[in-house]
Amino acid sequence: QVQLVESGGGLVQPGGSLRLSCAASGFTFSVYVMRWYRQAPGKERELVGGINSSGGSTNYGDSMKGRFTISRDNAKNTVYLQMNSLKPEDTAVYYCNTVRFGMEYWGKGTLVTVSS
């Protein structure tokens, strides 16, 4: 079955960087768009950004542009989220997501805490 497993979260100081990974299995990873979402405490889940199947096209939410980069390695069935210049307001649980045959699939998330 489809599995998405995020990793790489943790505590980082403001201005720091972190790279998240999402390992996918159970489907043909290389043909699907992959997305990252996040959910801060007490807030709704929001789209961080997405990447097309080949990795040649990405898009980002306004507050992430210029700081976050999504990439993928189709040989490793993994999508990445590189986060730079982190701010306290980036604190959230980060989830990867895909939609396959009209069904959404989510990982369990990885917590990122930005604090001094």
PDB file of N, CA and C in Angstrom:
ATOM      1  N   GLN A   1       0.843  -1.185   0.000  1.00  0.00           N
ATOM      2  CA  GLN A   1       0.000   0.000   0.000  1.00  0.00           C
ATOM      3  C   GLN A   1       0.883   1.241   0.000  1.00  0.00           C
ATOM      4  N   VAL A   2       0.261   2.369  -0.320  1.00  0.00           N
ATOM      5  CA  VAL A   2       1.004   3.626  -0.374  1.00  0.00           C
ATOM      6  C   VAL A   2       1.485   4.004   1.023  1.00  0.00           C
ATOM      7  N   GLN A   3       2.770   4.307   1.106  1.00  0.00           N
ATOM      8  CA  GLN A   3       3.339   4.791   2.363  1.00  0.00           C
ATOM      9  C   GLN A   3       4.204   6.002   2.093  1.00  0.00           C
ATOM     10  N   LEU A   4       4.042   6.992   2.941  1.00  0.00           N
ATOM     11  CA  LEU A   4       4.875   8.189   2.915  1.00  0.00           C
ATOM     12  C   LEU A   4       5.438   8.382   4.311  1.00  0.00           C
ATOM     13  N   VAL A   5       6.751   8.441   4.415  1.00  0.00           N
ATOM     14  CA  VAL A   5       7.400   8.545   5.720  1.00  0.00           C
ATOM     15  C   VAL A   5       8.338   9.739   5.731  1.00  0.00           C
ATOM     16  N   GLU A   6       7.966  10.741   6.523  1.00  0.00           N
ATOM     17  CA  GLU A   6       8.781  11.939   6.632  1.00  0.00           C
ATOM     18  C   GLU A   6       9.854  11.770   7.702  1.00  0.00           C
ATOM     19  N   SER A   7      10.953  12.462   7.514  1.00  0.00           N
ATOM     20  CA  SER A   7      12.023  12.462   8.511  1.00  0.00           C
ATOM     21  C   SER A   7      12.824  13.755   8.379  1.00  0.00           C
ATOM     22  N   GLY A   8      13.653  14.009   9.385  1.00  0.00           N
ATOM     23  CA  GLY A   8      14.547  15.154   9.322  1.00  0.00           C
ATOM     24  C   GLY A   8      14.141  16.338  10.170  1.00  0.00           C
ATOM     25  N   GLY A   9      12.997  16.267  10.808  1.00  0.00           N
ATOM     26  CA  GLY A   9      12.566  17.370  11.658  1.00  0.00           C
ATOM     27  C   GLY A   9      13.404  17.466  12.923  1.00  0.00           C
ATOM     28  N   GLY A  10      13.207  18.558  13.640  1.00  0.00           N
ATOM     29  CA  GLY A  10      13.934  18.757  14.883  1.00  0.00           C
ATOM     30  C   GLY A  10      13.896  20.196  15.324  1.00  0.00           C
ATOM     31  N   LEU A  11      14.743  20.508  16.283  1.00  0.00           N
ATOM     32  CA  LEU A  11      14.845  21.865  16.822  1.00  0.00           C
ATOM     33  C   LEU A  11      15.969  22.607  16.109  1.00  0.00           C
ATOM     34  N   VAL A  12      15.672  23.799  15.632  1.00  0.00           N
ATOM     35  CA  VAL A  12      16.671  24.608  14.940  1.00  0.00           C
ATOM     36  C   VAL A  12      16.507  26.060  15.387  1.00  0.00           C
ATOM     37  N   GLN A  13      17.621  26.775  15.427  1.00  0.00           N
ATOM     38  CA  GLN A  13      17.571  28.183  15.822  1.00  0.00           C
ATOM     39  C   GLN A  13      17.068  29.052  14.675  1.00  0.00           C
ATOM     40  N   PRO A  14      16.472  30.192  14.998  1.00  0.00           N
ATOM     41  CA  PRO A  14      16.081  31.133  13.934  1.00  0.00           C
ATOM     42  C   PRO A  14      17.259  31.459  13.033  1.00  0.00           C
ATOM     43  N   GLY A  15      16.993  31.484  11.739  1.00  0.00           N
ATOM     44  CA  GLY A  15      18.048  31.710  10.754  1.00  0.00           C
ATOM     45  C   GLY A  15      18.737  30.451  10.285  1.00  0.00           C
ATOM     46  N   GLY A  16      18.451  29.348  10.928  1.00  0.00           N
ATOM     47  CA  GLY A  16      19.084  28.080  10.580  1.00  0.00           C
ATOM     48  C   GLY A  16      18.415  27.382   9.412  1.00  0.00           C
ATOM     49  N   SER A  17      18.952  26.209   9.102  1.00  0.00           N
ATOM     50  CA  SER A  17      18.463  25.416   7.977  1.00  0.00           C
ATOM     51  C   SER A  17      18.158  24.001   8.420  1.00  0.00           C
ATOM     52  N   LEU A  18      17.304  23.367   7.639  1.00  0.00           N
ATOM     53  CA  LEU A  18      16.931  21.983   7.914  1.00  0.00           C
ATOM     54  C   LEU A  18      16.494  21.369   6.585  1.00  0.00           C
ATOM     55  N   ARG A  19      16.789  20.090   6.398  1.00  0.00           N
ATOM     56  CA  ARG A  19      16.301  19.388   5.218  1.00  0.00           C
ATOM     57  C   ARG A  19      15.432  18.220   5.646  1.00  0.00           C
ATOM     58  N   LEU A  20      14.217  18.248   5.162  1.00  0.00           N
ATOM     59  CA  LEU A  20      13.281  17.156   5.407  1.00  0.00           C
ATOM     60  C   LEU A  20      13.293  16.198   4.226  1.00  0.00           C
ATOM     61  N   SER A  21      13.024  14.938   4.529  1.00  0.00           N
ATOM     62  CA  SER A  21      12.903  13.911   3.497  1.00  0.00           C
ATOM     63  C   SER A  21      11.558  13.225   3.643  1.00  0.00           C
ATOM     64  N   CYS A  22      11.070  12.744   2.519  1.00  0.00           N
ATOM     65  CA  CYS A  22       9.853  11.938   2.520  1.00  0.00           C
ATOM     66  C   CYS A  22      10.110  10.727   1.631  1.00  0.00           C
ATOM     67  N   ALA A  23      10.173   9.565   2.251  1.00  0.00           N
ATOM     68  CA  ALA A  23      10.398   8.321   1.516  1.00  0.00           C
ATOM     69  C   ALA A  23       9.057   7.706   1.144  1.00  0.00           C
ATOM     70  N   ALA A  24       8.898   7.427  -0.137  1.00  0.00           N
ATOM     71  CA  ALA A  24       7.631   6.907  -0.652  1.00  0.00           C
ATOM     72  C   ALA A  24       7.772   5.450  -1.060  1.00  0.00           C
ATOM     73  N   SER A  25       6.685   4.716  -0.906  1.00  0.00           N
ATOM     74  CA  SER A  25       6.660   3.325  -1.342  1.00  0.00           C
ATOM     75  C   SER A  25       5.235   2.916  -1.648  1.00  0.00           C
ATOM     76  N   GLY A  26       5.101   1.827  -2.402  1.00  0.00           N
ATOM     77  CA  GLY A  26       3.777   1.287  -2.684  1.00  0.00           C
ATOM     78  C   GLY A  26       3.106   1.847  -3.910  1.00  0.00           C
ATOM     79  N   PHE A  27       3.801   2.706  -4.654  1.00  0.00           N
ATOM     80  CA  PHE A  27       3.246   3.231  -5.894  1.00  0.00           C
ATOM     81  C   PHE A  27       4.396   3.683  -6.786  1.00  0.00           C
ATOM     82  N   THR A  28       4.081   3.994  -8.026  1.00  0.00           N
ATOM     83  CA  THR A  28       5.104   4.413  -8.981  1.00  0.00           C
ATOM     84  C   THR A  28       5.406   5.884  -8.751  1.00  0.00           C
ATOM     85  N   PHE A  29       6.340   6.114  -7.864  1.00  0.00           N
ATOM     86  CA  PHE A  29       6.646   7.461  -7.366  1.00  0.00           C
ATOM     87  C   PHE A  29       6.948   8.435  -8.505  1.00  0.00           C
ATOM     88  N   SER A  30       7.651   7.983  -9.514  1.00  0.00           N
ATOM     89  CA  SER A  30       8.184   8.893 -10.535  1.00  0.00           C
ATOM     90  C   SER A  30       7.132   9.522 -11.429  1.00  0.00           C
ATOM     91  N   VAL A  31       5.874   9.102 -11.332  1.00  0.00           N
ATOM     92  CA  VAL A  31       4.863   9.677 -12.214  1.00  0.00           C
ATOM     93  C   VAL A  31       3.905  10.611 -11.495  1.00  0.00           C
ATOM     94  N   TYR A  32       4.120  10.813 -10.211  1.00  0.00           N
ATOM     95  CA  TYR A  32       3.171  11.604  -9.432  1.00  0.00           C
ATOM     96  C   TYR A  32       3.757  12.899  -8.908  1.00  0.00           C
ATOM     97  N   VAL A  33       2.900  13.932  -8.920  1.00  0.00           N
ATOM     98  CA  VAL A  33       3.226  15.175  -8.237  1.00  0.00           C
ATOM     99  C   VAL A  33       3.307  14.896  -6.737  1.00  0.00           C
ATOM    100  N   MET A  34       4.277  15.524  -6.111  1.00  0.00           N
ATOM    101  CA  MET A  34       4.422  15.416  -4.665  1.00  0.00           C
ATOM    102  C   MET A  34       4.327  16.807  -4.054  1.00  0.00           C
ATOM    103  N   ARG A  35       3.722  16.875  -2.892  1.00  0.00           N
ATOM    104  CA  ARG A  35       3.552  18.172  -2.213  1.00  0.00           C
ATOM    105  C   ARG A  35       3.986  18.074  -0.759  1.00  0.00           C
ATOM    106  N   TRP A  36       4.391  19.207  -0.240  1.00  0.00           N
ATOM    107  CA  TRP A  36       4.630  19.365   1.189  1.00  0.00           C
ATOM    108  C   TRP A  36       3.580  20.315   1.750  1.00  0.00           C
ATOM    109  N   TYR A  37       3.046  19.946   2.910  1.00  0.00           N
ATOM    110  CA  TYR A  37       2.140  20.792   3.667  1.00  0.00           C
ATOM    111  C   TYR A  37       2.723  20.961   5.069  1.00  0.00           C
ATOM    112  N   ARG A  38       2.170  21.933   5.779  1.00  0.00           N
ATOM    113  CA  ARG A  38       2.544  22.066   7.177  1.00  0.00           C
ATOM    114  C   ARG A  38       1.341  22.510   7.998  1.00  0.00           C
ATOM    115  N   GLN A  39       1.376  22.196   9.282  1.00  0.00           N
ATOM    116  CA  GLN A  39       0.311  22.606  10.179  1.00  0.00           C
ATOM    117  C   GLN A  39       0.935  23.083  11.479  1.00  0.00           C
ATOM    118  N   ALA A  40       0.777  24.370  11.712  1.00  0.00           N
ATOM    119  CA  ALA A  40       1.271  24.971  12.947  1.00  0.00           C
ATOM    120  C   ALA A  40       0.245  24.767  14.052  1.00  0.00           C
ATOM    121  N   PRO A  41       0.687  24.823  15.303  1.00  0.00           N
ATOM    122  CA  PRO A  41      -0.247  24.646  16.420  1.00  0.00           C
ATOM    123  C   PRO A  41      -1.418  25.624  16.344  1.00  0.00           C
ATOM    124  N   GLY A  42      -2.611  25.098  16.409  1.00  0.00           N
ATOM    125  CA  GLY A  42      -3.801  25.940  16.409  1.00  0.00           C
ATOM    126  C   GLY A  42      -4.182  26.517  15.065  1.00  0.00           C
ATOM    127  N   LYS A  43      -3.500  26.093  14.014  1.00  0.00           N
ATOM    128  CA  LYS A  43      -3.782  26.635  12.686  1.00  0.00           C
ATOM    129  C   LYS A  43      -4.171  25.520  11.722  1.00  0.00           C
ATOM    130  N   GLU A  44      -4.748  25.930  10.593  1.00  0.00           N
ATOM    131  CA  GLU A  44      -5.107  24.958   9.573  1.00  0.00           C
ATOM    132  C   GLU A  44      -3.866  24.521   8.794  1.00  0.00           C
ATOM    133  N   ARG A  45      -3.973  23.354   8.211  1.00  0.00           N
ATOM    134  CA  ARG A  45      -2.888  22.867   7.372  1.00  0.00           C
ATOM    135  C   ARG A  45      -2.760  23.760   6.144  1.00  0.00           C
ATOM    136  N   GLU A  46      -1.524  24.107   5.777  1.00  0.00           N
ATOM    137  CA  GLU A  46      -1.307  24.958   4.609  1.00  0.00           C
ATOM    138  C   GLU A  46      -0.308  24.316   3.660  1.00  0.00           C
ATOM    139  N   LEU A  47      -0.446  24.649   2.392  1.00  0.00           N
ATOM    140  CA  LEU A  47       0.446  24.119   1.370  1.00  0.00           C
ATOM    141  C   LEU A  47       1.793  24.832   1.437  1.00  0.00           C
ATOM    142  N   VAL A  48       2.853  24.045   1.526  1.00  0.00           N
ATOM    143  CA  VAL A  48       4.208  24.601   1.460  1.00  0.00           C
ATOM    144  C   VAL A  48       4.616  24.738   0.002  1.00  0.00           C
ATOM    145  N   GLY A  49       4.391  23.681  -0.766  1.00  0.00           N
ATOM    146  CA  GLY A  49       4.721  23.718  -2.180  1.00  0.00           C
ATOM    147  C   GLY A  49       4.643  22.338  -2.782  1.00  0.00           C
ATOM    148  N   GLY A  50       4.892  22.275  -4.080  1.00  0.00           N
ATOM    149  CA  GLY A  50       4.814  21.016  -4.787  1.00  0.00           C
ATOM    150  C   GLY A  50       5.859  20.908  -5.867  1.00  0.00           C
ATOM    151  N   ILE A  51       6.022  19.688  -6.364  1.00  0.00           N
ATOM    152  CA  ILE A  51       6.991  19.421  -7.414  1.00  0.00           C
ATOM    153  C   ILE A  51       6.380  18.434  -8.393  1.00  0.00           C
ATOM    154  N   ASN A  52       6.614  18.669  -9.686  1.00  0.00           N
ATOM    155  CA  ASN A  52       6.015  17.769 -10.676  1.00  0.00           C
ATOM    156  C   ASN A  52       6.782  16.452 -10.738  1.00  0.00           C
ATOM    157  N   SER A  53       6.297  15.556 -11.573  1.00  0.00           N
ATOM    158  CA  SER A  53       6.821  14.196 -11.553  1.00  0.00           C
ATOM    159  C   SER A  53       8.300  14.116 -11.921  1.00  0.00           C
ATOM    160  N   SER A  54       8.724  14.949 -12.842  1.00  0.00           N
ATOM    161  CA  SER A  54      10.127  14.900 -13.277  1.00  0.00           C
ATOM    162  C   SER A  54      11.057  15.695 -12.391  1.00  0.00           C
ATOM    163  N   GLY A  55      10.473  16.574 -11.581  1.00  0.00           N
ATOM    164  CA  GLY A  55      11.290  17.461 -10.759  1.00  0.00           C
ATOM    165  C   GLY A  55      11.645  18.758 -11.443  1.00  0.00           C
ATOM    166  N   GLY A  56      11.141  18.961 -12.659  1.00  0.00           N
ATOM    167  CA  GLY A  56      11.504  20.140 -13.414  1.00  0.00           C
ATOM    168  C   GLY A  56      10.697  21.377 -13.100  1.00  0.00           C
ATOM    169  N   SER A  57       9.646  21.231 -12.324  1.00  0.00           N
ATOM    170  CA  SER A  57       8.784  22.370 -12.015  1.00  0.00           C
ATOM    171  C   SER A  57       8.352  22.309 -10.561  1.00  0.00           C
ATOM    172  N   THR A  58       8.475  23.448  -9.892  1.00  0.00           N
ATOM    173  CA  THR A  58       8.070  23.541  -8.491  1.00  0.00           C
ATOM    174  C   THR A  58       7.224  24.788  -8.291  1.00  0.00           C
ATOM    175  N   ASN A  59       6.464  24.784  -7.233  1.00  0.00           N
ATOM    176  CA  ASN A  59       5.732  25.981  -6.827  1.00  0.00           C
ATOM    177  C   ASN A  59       5.695  26.027  -5.312  1.00  0.00           C
ATOM    178  N   TYR A  60       5.532  27.242  -4.772  1.00  0.00           N
ATOM    179  CA  TYR A  60       5.634  27.450  -3.334  1.00  0.00           C
ATOM    180  C   TYR A  60       4.573  28.427  -2.850  1.00  0.00           C
ATOM    181  N   GLY A  61       4.232  28.263  -1.571  1.00  0.00           N
ATOM    182  CA  GLY A  61       3.403  29.260  -0.935  1.00  0.00           C
ATOM    183  C   GLY A  61       4.175  30.570  -0.799  1.00  0.00           C
ATOM    184  N   ASP A  62       3.440  31.664  -0.708  1.00  0.00           N
ATOM    185  CA  ASP A  62       4.079  32.988  -0.721  1.00  0.00           C
ATOM    186  C   ASP A  62       5.109  33.161   0.393  1.00  0.00           C
ATOM    187  N   SER A  63       4.818  32.660   1.573  1.00  0.00           N
ATOM    188  CA  SER A  63       5.717  32.897   2.697  1.00  0.00           C
ATOM    189  C   SER A  63       6.972  32.014   2.643  1.00  0.00           C
ATOM    190  N   MET A  64       7.006  31.056   1.737  1.00  0.00           N
ATOM    191  CA  MET A  64       8.139  30.140   1.613  1.00  0.00           C
ATOM    192  C   MET A  64       9.058  30.486   0.438  1.00  0.00           C
ATOM    193  N   LYS A  65       8.549  31.295  -0.490  1.00  0.00           N
ATOM    194  CA  LYS A  65       9.330  31.592  -1.696  1.00  0.00           C
ATOM    195  C   LYS A  65      10.672  32.208  -1.338  1.00  0.00           C
ATOM    196  N   GLY A  66      11.714  31.683  -1.953  1.00  0.00           N
ATOM    197  CA  GLY A  66      13.051  32.202  -1.730  1.00  0.00           C
ATOM    198  C   GLY A  66      13.764  31.601  -0.535  1.00  0.00           C
ATOM    199  N   ARG A  67      13.024  30.886   0.320  1.00  0.00           N
ATOM    200  CA  ARG A  67      13.641  30.271   1.497  1.00  0.00           C
ATOM    201  C   ARG A  67      13.587  28.749   1.441  1.00  0.00           C
ATOM    202  N   PHE A  68      12.545  28.221   0.830  1.00  0.00           N
ATOM    203  CA  PHE A  68      12.350  26.772   0.794  1.00  0.00           C
ATOM    204  C   PHE A  68      12.559  26.264  -0.628  1.00  0.00           C
ATOM    205  N   THR A  69      13.115  25.070  -0.744  1.00  0.00           N
ATOM    206  CA  THR A  69      13.315  24.436  -2.041  1.00  0.00           C
ATOM    207  C   THR A  69      12.879  22.982  -1.965  1.00  0.00           C
ATOM    208  N   ILE A  70      12.012  22.604  -2.894  1.00  0.00           N
ATOM    209  CA  ILE A  70      11.569  21.207  -2.987  1.00  0.00           C
ATOM    210  C   ILE A  70      12.316  20.544  -4.138  1.00  0.00           C
ATOM    211  N   SER A  71      12.784  19.341  -3.884  1.00  0.00           N
ATOM    212  CA  SER A  71      13.444  18.555  -4.924  1.00  0.00           C
ATOM    213  C   SER A  71      13.043  17.096  -4.748  1.00  0.00           C
ATOM    214  N   ARG A  72      13.403  16.281  -5.720  1.00  0.00           N
ATOM    215  CA  ARG A  72      13.076  14.865  -5.626  1.00  0.00           C
ATOM    216  C   ARG A  72      14.150  14.047  -6.301  1.00  0.00           C
ATOM    217  N   ASP A  73      14.262  12.810  -5.838  1.00  0.00           N
ATOM    218  CA  ASP A  73      15.160  11.831  -6.442  1.00  0.00           C
ATOM    219  C   ASP A  73      14.307  10.620  -6.786  1.00  0.00           C
ATOM    220  N   ASN A  74      13.931  10.510  -8.041  1.00  0.00           N
ATOM    221  CA  ASN A  74      13.037   9.431  -8.445  1.00  0.00           C
ATOM    222  C   ASN A  74      13.702   8.056  -8.341  1.00  0.00           C
ATOM    223  N   ALA A  75      15.009   8.023  -8.380  1.00  0.00           N
ATOM    224  CA  ALA A  75      15.713   6.749  -8.218  1.00  0.00           C
ATOM    225  C   ALA A  75      15.620   6.249  -6.775  1.00  0.00           C
ATOM    226  N   LYS A  76      15.454   7.190  -5.852  1.00  0.00           N
ATOM    227  CA  LYS A  76      15.371   6.828  -4.429  1.00  0.00           C
ATOM    228  C   LYS A  76      13.949   6.923  -3.888  1.00  0.00           C
ATOM    229  N   ASN A  77      12.995   7.264  -4.768  1.00  0.00           N
ATOM    230  CA  ASN A  77      11.598   7.419  -4.335  1.00  0.00           C
ATOM    231  C   ASN A  77      11.482   8.365  -3.147  1.00  0.00           C
ATOM    232  N   THR A  78      12.176   9.470  -3.232  1.00  0.00           N
ATOM    233  CA  THR A  78      12.237  10.401  -2.110  1.00  0.00           C
ATOM    234  C   THR A  78      12.054  11.831  -2.592  1.00  0.00           C
ATOM    235  N   VAL A  79      11.299  12.586  -1.836  1.00  0.00           N
ATOM    236  CA  VAL A  79      11.139  14.014  -2.070  1.00  0.00           C
ATOM    237  C   VAL A  79      11.712  14.752  -0.867  1.00  0.00           C
ATOM    238  N   TYR A  80      12.314  15.889  -1.141  1.00  0.00           N
ATOM    239  CA  TYR A  80      13.012  16.649  -0.112  1.00  0.00           C
ATOM    240  C   TYR A  80      12.430  18.052   0.026  1.00  0.00           C
ATOM    241  N   LEU A  81      12.591  18.605   1.211  1.00  0.00           N
ATOM    242  CA  LEU A  81      12.242  19.993   1.458  1.00  0.00           C
ATOM    243  C   LEU A  81      13.423  20.643   2.172  1.00  0.00           C
ATOM    244  N   GLN A  82      14.139  21.484   1.446  1.00  0.00           N
ATOM    245  CA  GLN A  82      15.251  22.231   2.033  1.00  0.00           C
ATOM    246  C   GLN A  82      14.704  23.555   2.549  1.00  0.00           C
ATOM    247  N   MET A  83      14.904  23.811   3.819  1.00  0.00           N
ATOM    248  CA  MET A  83      14.380  25.026   4.440  1.00  0.00           C
ATOM    249  C   MET A  83      15.541  25.858   4.976  1.00  0.00           C
ATOM    250  N   ASN A  84      15.650  27.069   4.490  1.00  0.00           N
ATOM    251  CA  ASN A  84      16.699  27.993   4.911  1.00  0.00           C
ATOM    252  C   ASN A  84      16.078  29.219   5.568  1.00  0.00           C
ATOM    253  N   SER A  85      16.911  29.965   6.271  1.00  0.00           N
ATOM    254  CA  SER A  85      16.460  31.209   6.920  1.00  0.00           C
ATOM    255  C   SER A  85      15.191  30.975   7.724  1.00  0.00           C
ATOM    256  N   LEU A  86      15.197  29.942   8.519  1.00  0.00           N
ATOM    257  CA  LEU A  86      13.990  29.554   9.246  1.00  0.00           C
ATOM    258  C   LEU A  86      13.611  30.599  10.282  1.00  0.00           C
ATOM    259  N   LYS A  87      12.296  30.748  10.451  1.00  0.00           N
ATOM    260  CA  LYS A  87      11.728  31.715  11.382  1.00  0.00           C
ATOM    261  C   LYS A  87      10.875  30.972  12.416  1.00  0.00           C
ATOM    262  N   PRO A  88      10.653  31.577  13.562  1.00  0.00           N
ATOM    263  CA  PRO A  88       9.796  30.909  14.560  1.00  0.00           C
ATOM    264  C   PRO A  88       8.425  30.545  14.002  1.00  0.00           C
ATOM    265  N   GLU A  89       7.925  31.356  13.080  1.00  0.00           N
ATOM    266  CA  GLU A  89       6.604  31.062  12.509  1.00  0.00           C
ATOM    267  C   GLU A  89       6.614  29.889  11.538  1.00  0.00           C
ATOM    268  N   ASP A  90       7.783  29.336  11.265  1.00  0.00           N
ATOM    269  CA  ASP A  90       7.868  28.112  10.466  1.00  0.00           C
ATOM    270  C   ASP A  90       7.664  26.872  11.330  1.00  0.00           C
ATOM    271  N   THR A  91       7.569  27.055  12.627  1.00  0.00           N
ATOM    272  CA  THR A  91       7.329  25.922  13.522  1.00  0.00           C
ATOM    273  C   THR A  91       6.005  25.248  13.167  1.00  0.00           C
ATOM    274  N   ALA A  92       6.077  23.951  12.895  1.00  0.00           N
ATOM    275  CA  ALA A  92       4.895  23.216  12.448  1.00  0.00           C
ATOM    276  C   ALA A  92       5.255  21.743  12.297  1.00  0.00           C
ATOM    277  N   VAL A  93       4.221  20.948  12.122  1.00  0.00           N
ATOM    278  CA  VAL A  93       4.416  19.582  11.651  1.00  0.00           C
ATOM    279  C   VAL A  93       4.349  19.628  10.133  1.00  0.00           C
ATOM    280  N   TYR A  94       5.340  19.044   9.502  1.00  0.00           N
ATOM    281  CA  TYR A  94       5.448  19.052   8.044  1.00  0.00           C
ATOM    282  C   TYR A  94       5.072  17.667   7.500  1.00  0.00           C
ATOM    283  N   TYR A  95       4.202  17.688   6.489  1.00  0.00           N
ATOM    284  CA  TYR A  95       3.676  16.457   5.907  1.00  0.00           C
ATOM    285  C   TYR A  95       3.971  16.412   4.409  1.00  0.00           C
ATOM    286  N   CYS A  96       4.253  15.232   3.896  1.00  0.00           N
ATOM    287  CA  CYS A  96       4.255  15.104   2.454  1.00  0.00           C
ATOM    288  C   CYS A  96       2.958  14.441   2.011  1.00  0.00           C
ATOM    289  N   ASN A  97       2.647  14.647   0.755  1.00  0.00           N
ATOM    290  CA  ASN A  97       1.316  14.327   0.244  1.00  0.00           C
ATOM    291  C   ASN A  97       1.407  13.977  -1.231  1.00  0.00           C
ATOM    292  N   THR A  98       0.555  13.065  -1.648  1.00  0.00           N
ATOM    293  CA  THR A  98       0.351  12.839  -3.065  1.00  0.00           C
ATOM    294  C   THR A  98      -1.099  12.482  -3.298  1.00  0.00           C
ATOM    295  N   VAL A  99      -1.541  12.659  -4.516  1.00  0.00           N
ATOM    296  CA  VAL A  99      -2.890  12.289  -4.908  1.00  0.00           C
ATOM    297  C   VAL A  99      -2.781  11.245  -6.012  1.00  0.00           C
ATOM    298  N   ARG A 100      -3.414  10.128  -5.801  1.00  0.00           N
ATOM    299  CA  ARG A 100      -3.312   9.013  -6.742  1.00  0.00           C
ATOM    300  C   ARG A 100      -4.712   8.472  -6.974  1.00  0.00           C
ATOM    301  N   PHE A 101      -5.132   8.498  -8.236  1.00  0.00           N
ATOM    302  CA  PHE A 101      -6.478   8.042  -8.609  1.00  0.00           C
ATOM    303  C   PHE A 101      -7.536   8.712  -7.740  1.00  0.00           C
ATOM    304  N   GLY A 102      -7.373  10.017  -7.521  1.00  0.00           N
ATOM    305  CA  GLY A 102      -8.355  10.784  -6.786  1.00  0.00           C
ATOM    306  C   GLY A 102      -8.302  10.645  -5.281  1.00  0.00           C
ATOM    307  N   MET A 103      -7.390   9.838  -4.779  1.00  0.00           N
ATOM    308  CA  MET A 103      -7.268   9.668  -3.332  1.00  0.00           C
ATOM    309  C   MET A 103      -6.019  10.373  -2.826  1.00  0.00           C
ATOM    310  N   GLU A 104      -6.174  11.037  -1.694  1.00  0.00           N
ATOM    311  CA  GLU A 104      -5.033  11.714  -1.089  1.00  0.00           C
ATOM    312  C   GLU A 104      -4.332  10.787  -0.101  1.00  0.00           C
ATOM    313  N   TYR A 105      -3.022  10.855  -0.124  1.00  0.00           N
ATOM    314  CA  TYR A 105      -2.221  10.078   0.811  1.00  0.00           C
ATOM    315  C   TYR A 105      -1.304  11.021   1.578  1.00  0.00           C
ATOM    316  N   TRP A 106      -1.190  10.745   2.877  1.00  0.00           N
ATOM    317  CA  TRP A 106      -0.399  11.592   3.764  1.00  0.00           C
ATOM    318  C   TRP A 106       0.567  10.746   4.573  1.00  0.00           C
ATOM    319  N   GLY A 107       1.701  11.331   4.878  1.00  0.00           N
ATOM    320  CA  GLY A 107       2.562  10.736   5.882  1.00  0.00           C
ATOM    321  C   GLY A 107       2.099  11.159   7.264  1.00  0.00           C
ATOM    322  N   LYS A 108       2.820  10.687   8.285  1.00  0.00           N
ATOM    323  CA  LYS A 108       2.453  11.031   9.661  1.00  0.00           C
ATOM    324  C   LYS A 108       3.055  12.354  10.100  1.00  0.00           C
ATOM    325  N   GLY A 109       3.963  12.881   9.302  1.00  0.00           N
ATOM    326  CA  GLY A 109       4.516  14.191   9.595  1.00  0.00           C
ATOM    327  C   GLY A 109       5.798  14.151  10.410  1.00  0.00           C
ATOM    328  N   THR A 110       6.527  15.249  10.337  1.00  0.00           N
ATOM    329  CA  THR A 110       7.732  15.420  11.149  1.00  0.00           C
ATOM    330  C   THR A 110       7.716  16.838  11.721  1.00  0.00           C
ATOM    331  N   LEU A 111       8.022  16.948  12.994  1.00  0.00           N
ATOM    332  CA  LEU A 111       7.903  18.226  13.692  1.00  0.00           C
ATOM    333  C   LEU A 111       9.163  19.053  13.520  1.00  0.00           C
ATOM    334  N   VAL A 112       8.957  20.290  13.113  1.00  0.00           N
ATOM    335  CA  VAL A 112      10.032  21.272  13.029  1.00  0.00           C
ATOM    336  C   VAL A 112       9.749  22.376  14.034  1.00  0.00           C
ATOM    337  N   THR A 113      10.700  22.618  14.910  1.00  0.00           N
ATOM    338  CA  THR A 113      10.566  23.676  15.903  1.00  0.00           C
ATOM    339  C   THR A 113      11.692  24.672  15.708  1.00  0.00           C
ATOM    340  N   VAL A 114      11.320  25.917  15.475  1.00  0.00           N
ATOM    341  CA  VAL A 114      12.309  26.977  15.283  1.00  0.00           C
ATOM    342  C   VAL A 114      12.270  27.872  16.508  1.00  0.00           C
ATOM    343  N   SER A 115      13.324  27.792  17.298  1.00  0.00           N
ATOM    344  CA  SER A 115      13.341  28.519  18.561  1.00  0.00           C
ATOM    345  C   SER A 115      14.778  28.688  19.037  1.00  0.00           C
ATOM    346  N   SER A 116      15.006  29.791  19.738  1.00  0.00           N
ATOM    347  CA  SER A 116      16.325  30.014  20.327  1.00  0.00           C
ATOM    348  C   SER A 116      16.358  29.509  21.761  1.00  0.00           C
TER     349      SER A 116
END
